[in-house]
Amino acid sequence: MAITPGGPKLYLGADCEGIETFAIAGGTACVYTHRAPGKETDNEDSLGLVACNATAGVLVVADGLGGLPSGEQASSTAVRQVSNTVKMHCGEQPMLRDAILDAIEQANHMVMAQGVGAGTTFAAVEIDNRGVRPYHVGDSEILVTGQRGRIKYQTISHSPVGYAVEAGLLEADDAIYHEERHLVSNIIGAADMRVEIGPKIVLAPRDTLVIASDGLFDNMPIDEIVNIIRTGPLARAAQNLLEICQARMLQSSDVRPHKPDDLTFILFRPGQKPA
């Protein structure tokens, strides 16, 4: 299914029945979002795909913070605001960077104005002719890997654990089990919110981009994710991620990660048509 320019596809507090696949921004996106297994309240993750034209668009994931009031509303606000602002700029030759940054600032003020202590993490990628630029706030992550498994880009989580890994004080394999992994030091909904903007990356034809909430990265180590997504059909890779995450969330283990949580991810590859 193709996403019409100016007509975004948004998932706000939604539960997908399975992997959904779309043509967008000169490539293919496979998406999924669902509340945690056994969870009775709403999915606090939100997801958006906004097409500007045949080769440009924006992909967004936001994770409302569990344990804070109105997490679902905060994530929905962020995704909806980015969608609305990007749509207004789609008629111009890509000014997406300004649109995304303006939308994040506006969303931050809107969430703070709710006055209930709500917050959300945020990860977005601007796509323009195979060039991608990441933006993130918090611990929803963005990853780009090549067909041979080389990681070309990975965000650093805005969290004590994320900074410890980056500084070499904590091994990534240990970080996934750390008791303070859930703590986040930067969110939309805070007066001191800041946006980290990554470099522009030109995707090779078989590169794969991942944008996901921590429901993915808390249940699967990075090397396992890379090994699954780097080759083969994109939809199959997305299904494999989903099945492994669901299994990990449902069964506690001493040798595997296990963290029941809302799960949201987008996989994107350039230059392919959905099967």
Protein backbone atom coordinates (compact mmCIF):
# COMPACT_ATOMS: atom_id res chain seq x y z
CA MET A 1 0.00 0.00 0.00
CA ALA A 2 1.33 3.44 -0.91
CA ILE A 3 0.96 6.43 1.38
CA THR A 4 -0.36 9.41 -0.57
CA PRO A 5 1.74 12.59 -0.24
CA GLY A 6 0.08 14.86 2.30
CA GLY A 7 -1.95 11.96 3.67
CA PRO A 8 -0.12 10.53 6.67
CA LYS A 9 -0.66 7.15 8.29
CA LEU A 10 -0.85 7.51 12.06
CA TYR A 11 -1.14 4.90 14.80
CA LEU A 12 -2.19 6.62 18.03
CA GLY A 13 -2.83 4.27 20.94
CA ALA A 14 -3.46 1.54 18.35
CA ASP A 15 -2.91 -2.22 18.35
CA CYS A 16 -1.85 -3.78 15.03
CA GLU A 17 -3.02 -7.30 14.25
CA GLY A 18 0.24 -7.95 12.39
CA ILE A 19 3.00 -6.38 10.32
CA GLU A 20 1.75 -3.70 7.92
CA THR A 21 3.74 -2.68 4.83
CA PHE A 22 3.73 0.61 2.93
CA ALA A 23 5.48 2.29 0.02
CA ILE A 24 6.83 5.65 1.16
CA ALA A 25 9.64 8.09 0.31
CA GLY A 26 11.10 5.94 -2.47
CA GLY A 27 11.25 2.80 -0.36
CA THR A 28 9.33 0.31 1.75
CA ALA A 29 8.35 0.59 5.41
CA CYS A 30 7.15 -2.30 7.57
CA VAL A 31 5.47 -1.17 10.80
CA TYR A 32 4.05 -2.64 13.97
CA THR A 33 2.70 -1.31 17.26
CA HIS A 34 0.87 -3.07 20.08
CA ARG A 35 0.41 -2.78 23.82
CA ALA A 36 2.35 -5.09 26.14
CA PRO A 37 1.07 -8.66 26.60
CA GLY A 38 -1.67 -8.78 29.22
CA LYS A 39 -1.85 -4.98 29.50
CA GLU A 40 -5.41 -3.72 30.04
CA THR A 41 -4.73 -0.01 29.54
CA ASP A 42 -4.02 1.65 26.19
CA ASN A 43 -0.87 1.28 24.12
CA GLU A 44 1.25 4.28 25.13
CA ASP A 45 3.37 4.13 21.95
CA SER A 46 2.48 6.09 18.82
CA LEU A 47 3.77 5.82 15.26
CA GLY A 48 3.54 7.97 12.15
CA LEU A 49 4.50 7.84 8.47
CA VAL A 50 4.25 11.12 6.57
CA ALA A 51 4.85 11.19 2.82
CA CYS A 52 5.84 14.50 1.22
CA ASN A 53 6.44 13.32 -2.32
CA ALA A 54 7.73 10.25 -4.17
CA THR A 55 11.16 10.40 -2.50
CA ALA A 56 10.70 12.40 0.70
CA GLY A 57 8.94 11.82 4.00
CA VAL A 58 9.25 11.44 7.75
CA LEU A 59 8.98 8.33 9.94
CA VAL A 60 8.21 8.80 13.65
CA VAL A 61 8.00 6.69 16.82
CA ALA A 62 7.08 8.05 20.27
CA ASP A 63 6.88 6.13 23.54
CA GLY A 64 4.71 7.64 26.27
CA LEU A 65 6.41 7.08 29.58
CA GLY A 66 4.95 4.22 31.58
CA GLY A 67 4.03 5.18 35.11
CA LEU A 68 3.44 8.81 34.19
CA PRO A 69 -0.06 10.22 33.66
CA SER A 70 -1.37 10.41 30.12
CA GLY A 71 1.57 8.69 28.45
CA GLU A 72 -0.56 7.76 25.45
CA GLN A 73 -1.75 11.35 25.09
CA ALA A 74 1.83 12.66 25.22
CA SER A 75 3.09 10.29 22.51
CA SER A 76 0.03 10.96 20.35
CA THR A 77 0.57 14.71 20.70
CA ALA A 78 4.18 14.42 19.53
CA VAL A 79 3.40 12.25 16.50
CA ARG A 80 0.34 14.26 15.48
CA GLN A 81 2.19 17.57 15.80
CA VAL A 82 5.06 16.34 13.61
CA SER A 83 2.58 15.05 11.05
CA ASN A 84 0.65 18.33 10.92
CA THR A 85 3.75 20.51 10.72
CA VAL A 86 5.51 18.39 8.10
CA LYS A 87 2.37 18.38 5.92
CA MET A 88 2.39 22.18 5.88
CA HIS A 89 5.97 22.14 4.53
CA CYS A 90 5.52 19.38 1.98
CA GLY A 91 4.84 21.82 -0.83
CA GLU A 92 8.24 23.42 -0.32
CA GLN A 93 11.58 22.02 -1.40
CA PRO A 94 12.50 19.97 1.62
CA MET A 95 12.46 22.17 4.66
CA LEU A 96 11.77 19.09 6.73
CA ARG A 97 14.52 19.77 9.24
CA ASP A 98 12.92 23.04 10.33
CA ALA A 99 9.47 21.47 10.31
CA ILE A 100 10.54 18.57 12.54
CA LEU A 101 12.37 20.79 15.02
CA ASP A 102 9.46 23.25 15.18
CA ALA A 103 7.02 20.38 15.73
CA ILE A 104 9.08 18.91 18.57
CA GLU A 105 9.26 22.28 20.31
CA GLN A 106 5.51 22.78 19.87
CA ALA A 107 4.78 19.27 21.14
CA ASN A 108 6.97 19.89 24.18
CA HIS A 109 5.01 23.02 25.09
CA MET A 110 1.70 21.24 24.48
CA VAL A 111 2.59 18.27 26.70
CA MET A 112 3.87 20.54 29.45
CA ALA A 113 0.68 22.63 29.22
CA GLN A 114 -1.39 19.55 30.05
CA GLY A 115 -0.10 20.01 33.59
CA VAL A 116 -0.28 16.33 34.55
CA GLY A 117 3.41 15.40 34.41
CA ALA A 118 3.07 13.53 31.12
CA GLY A 119 6.07 12.79 28.92
CA THR A 120 7.22 10.85 25.91
CA THR A 121 10.39 9.79 24.18
CA PHE A 122 10.67 10.53 20.47
CA ALA A 123 12.58 9.28 17.46
CA ALA A 124 12.14 10.49 13.88
CA VAL A 125 13.96 10.12 10.59
CA GLU A 126 13.74 12.55 7.71
CA ILE A 127 14.10 10.85 4.31
CA ASP A 128 14.97 12.67 1.11
CA ASN A 129 16.29 10.83 -1.96
CA ARG A 130 17.93 8.05 0.08
CA GLY A 131 19.48 10.59 2.39
CA VAL A 132 18.27 10.14 5.96
CA ARG A 133 18.72 12.33 9.03
CA PRO A 134 17.80 11.15 12.55
CA TYR A 135 16.30 13.18 15.40
CA HIS A 136 15.72 11.83 18.89
CA VAL A 137 14.74 12.66 22.45
CA GLY A 138 15.08 9.96 25.11
CA ASP A 139 15.64 6.23 24.67
CA SER A 140 13.59 5.31 21.61
CA GLU A 141 16.38 4.33 19.24
CA ILE A 142 17.39 4.69 15.59
CA LEU A 143 19.70 2.21 13.88
CA VAL A 144 21.09 1.93 10.33
CA THR A 145 22.82 -1.26 9.25
CA GLY A 146 24.30 -2.50 5.99
CA GLN A 147 23.64 -5.82 4.27
CA ARG A 148 26.84 -7.30 5.76
CA GLY A 149 25.84 -6.28 9.27
CA ARG A 150 28.01 -3.19 9.70
CA ILE A 151 26.27 -0.64 11.91
CA LYS A 152 26.41 2.68 10.06
CA TYR A 153 24.58 4.67 12.72
CA GLN A 154 23.08 4.13 16.16
CA THR A 155 21.61 6.71 18.51
CA ILE A 156 22.86 7.04 22.08
CA SER A 157 19.99 6.71 24.55
CA HIS A 158 19.47 9.76 26.71
CA SER A 159 19.71 7.82 29.93
CA PRO A 160 22.29 7.05 32.62
CA VAL A 161 22.71 3.54 31.24
CA GLY A 162 22.99 4.78 27.64
CA TYR A 163 25.69 7.27 28.57
CA ALA A 164 27.56 4.64 30.60
CA VAL A 165 27.69 2.34 27.57
CA GLU A 166 28.89 5.16 25.32
CA ALA A 167 31.61 6.08 27.83
CA GLY A 168 32.83 2.48 27.99
CA LEU A 169 31.84 2.11 31.64
CA LEU A 170 29.24 -0.57 30.90
CA GLU A 171 29.15 -3.32 28.30
CA ALA A 172 26.14 -3.31 25.97
CA ASP A 173 25.44 -6.95 26.80
CA ASP A 174 25.22 -6.02 30.49
CA ALA A 175 23.24 -2.83 29.90
CA ILE A 176 20.19 -4.72 28.64
CA TYR A 177 19.85 -6.31 32.10
CA HIS A 178 20.68 -3.20 34.15
CA GLU A 179 18.17 -2.42 36.89
CA GLU A 180 18.16 1.29 35.99
CA ARG A 181 17.77 0.80 32.23
CA HIS A 182 14.23 2.22 32.44
CA LEU A 183 15.44 5.62 33.67
CA VAL A 184 15.38 8.37 31.01
CA SER A 185 17.08 11.76 31.35
CA ASN A 186 15.51 13.62 28.40
CA ILE A 187 11.86 13.68 27.34
CA ILE A 188 9.27 15.70 25.48
CA GLY A 189 7.29 17.21 28.32
CA ALA A 190 10.22 18.74 30.23
CA ALA A 191 11.41 22.34 30.41
CA ASP A 192 15.00 21.27 29.69
CA MET A 193 14.10 19.01 26.74
CA ARG A 194 16.75 18.92 24.01
CA VAL A 195 16.77 17.40 20.54
CA GLU A 196 19.76 15.44 19.29
CA ILE A 197 20.20 15.69 15.52
CA GLY A 198 22.31 13.05 13.83
CA PRO A 199 24.33 13.29 10.62
CA LYS A 200 22.88 12.90 7.16
CA ILE A 201 23.42 9.31 5.99
CA VAL A 202 23.02 8.16 2.39
CA LEU A 203 21.44 4.72 2.36
CA ALA A 204 22.86 2.04 0.09
CA PRO A 205 20.24 -0.05 -1.76
CA ARG A 206 20.29 -2.88 0.83
CA ASP A 207 20.71 -0.80 3.98
CA THR A 208 18.02 -1.16 6.61
CA LEU A 209 16.78 1.57 8.93
CA VAL A 210 15.14 0.76 12.28
CA ILE A 211 13.19 3.18 14.46
CA ALA A 212 11.75 1.63 17.61
CA SER A 213 10.57 2.10 21.15
CA ASP A 214 12.47 0.41 23.96
CA GLY A 215 10.07 -2.52 23.76
CA LEU A 216 12.31 -3.81 20.98
CA PHE A 217 15.75 -2.90 22.31
CA ASP A 218 15.00 -4.08 25.86
CA ASN A 219 14.16 -7.57 24.60
CA MET A 220 16.72 -8.05 21.84
CA PRO A 221 20.46 -7.18 21.83
CA ILE A 222 21.64 -4.98 18.97
CA ASP A 223 23.71 -7.72 17.31
CA GLU A 224 20.68 -10.02 17.24
CA ILE A 225 18.51 -7.31 15.69
CA VAL A 226 21.15 -6.55 13.06
CA ASN A 227 21.56 -10.21 12.15
CA ILE A 228 17.82 -10.52 11.53
CA ILE A 229 17.23 -7.33 9.54
CA ARG A 230 20.35 -7.11 7.39
CA THR A 231 19.27 -9.57 4.66
CA GLY A 232 16.19 -11.19 3.21
CA PRO A 233 12.74 -9.73 2.57
CA LEU A 234 11.93 -6.79 4.81
CA ALA A 235 8.50 -8.10 5.81
CA ARG A 236 10.04 -11.40 6.91
CA ALA A 237 12.60 -9.55 9.01
CA ALA A 238 9.83 -7.52 10.65
CA GLN A 239 7.85 -10.68 11.38
CA ASN A 240 10.91 -12.34 12.92
CA LEU A 241 11.49 -9.34 15.21
CA LEU A 242 7.86 -9.42 16.26
CA GLU A 243 7.81 -13.13 17.02
CA ILE A 244 11.04 -13.05 19.03
CA CYS A 245 9.97 -10.00 21.04
CA GLN A 246 6.59 -11.51 21.81
CA ALA A 247 8.21 -14.74 22.97
CA ARG A 248 10.69 -12.87 25.19
CA MET A 249 7.95 -10.77 26.75
CA LEU A 250 5.79 -13.79 27.53
CA GLN A 251 8.43 -16.00 29.14
CA SER A 252 10.90 -15.03 31.83
CA SER A 253 14.42 -16.40 31.40
CA ASP A 254 17.76 -16.28 33.17
CA VAL A 255 19.65 -16.32 29.86
CA ARG A 256 17.49 -14.09 27.64
CA PRO A 257 16.21 -10.53 28.04
CA HIS A 258 12.64 -10.32 29.32
CA LYS A 259 10.72 -7.07 29.63
CA PRO A 260 6.99 -6.96 28.87
CA ASP A 261 6.33 -3.55 27.33
CA ASP A 262 4.49 -1.79 24.54
CA LEU A 263 6.27 -2.61 21.28
CA THR A 264 6.57 -0.29 18.28
CA PHE A 265 8.97 -0.38 15.36
CA ILE A 266 9.46 0.76 11.78
CA LEU A 267 11.81 -0.99 9.34
CA PHE A 268 12.66 0.90 6.14
CA ARG A 269 14.66 0.09 3.03
CA PRO A 270 15.10 2.37 0.02
CA GLY A 271 14.21 1.55 -3.55
CA GLN A 272 11.95 -1.45 -2.96
CA LYS A 273 8.29 -2.03 -3.66
CA PRO A 274 6.13 -3.83 -1.09
CA ALA A 275 5.54 -7.49 -1.94
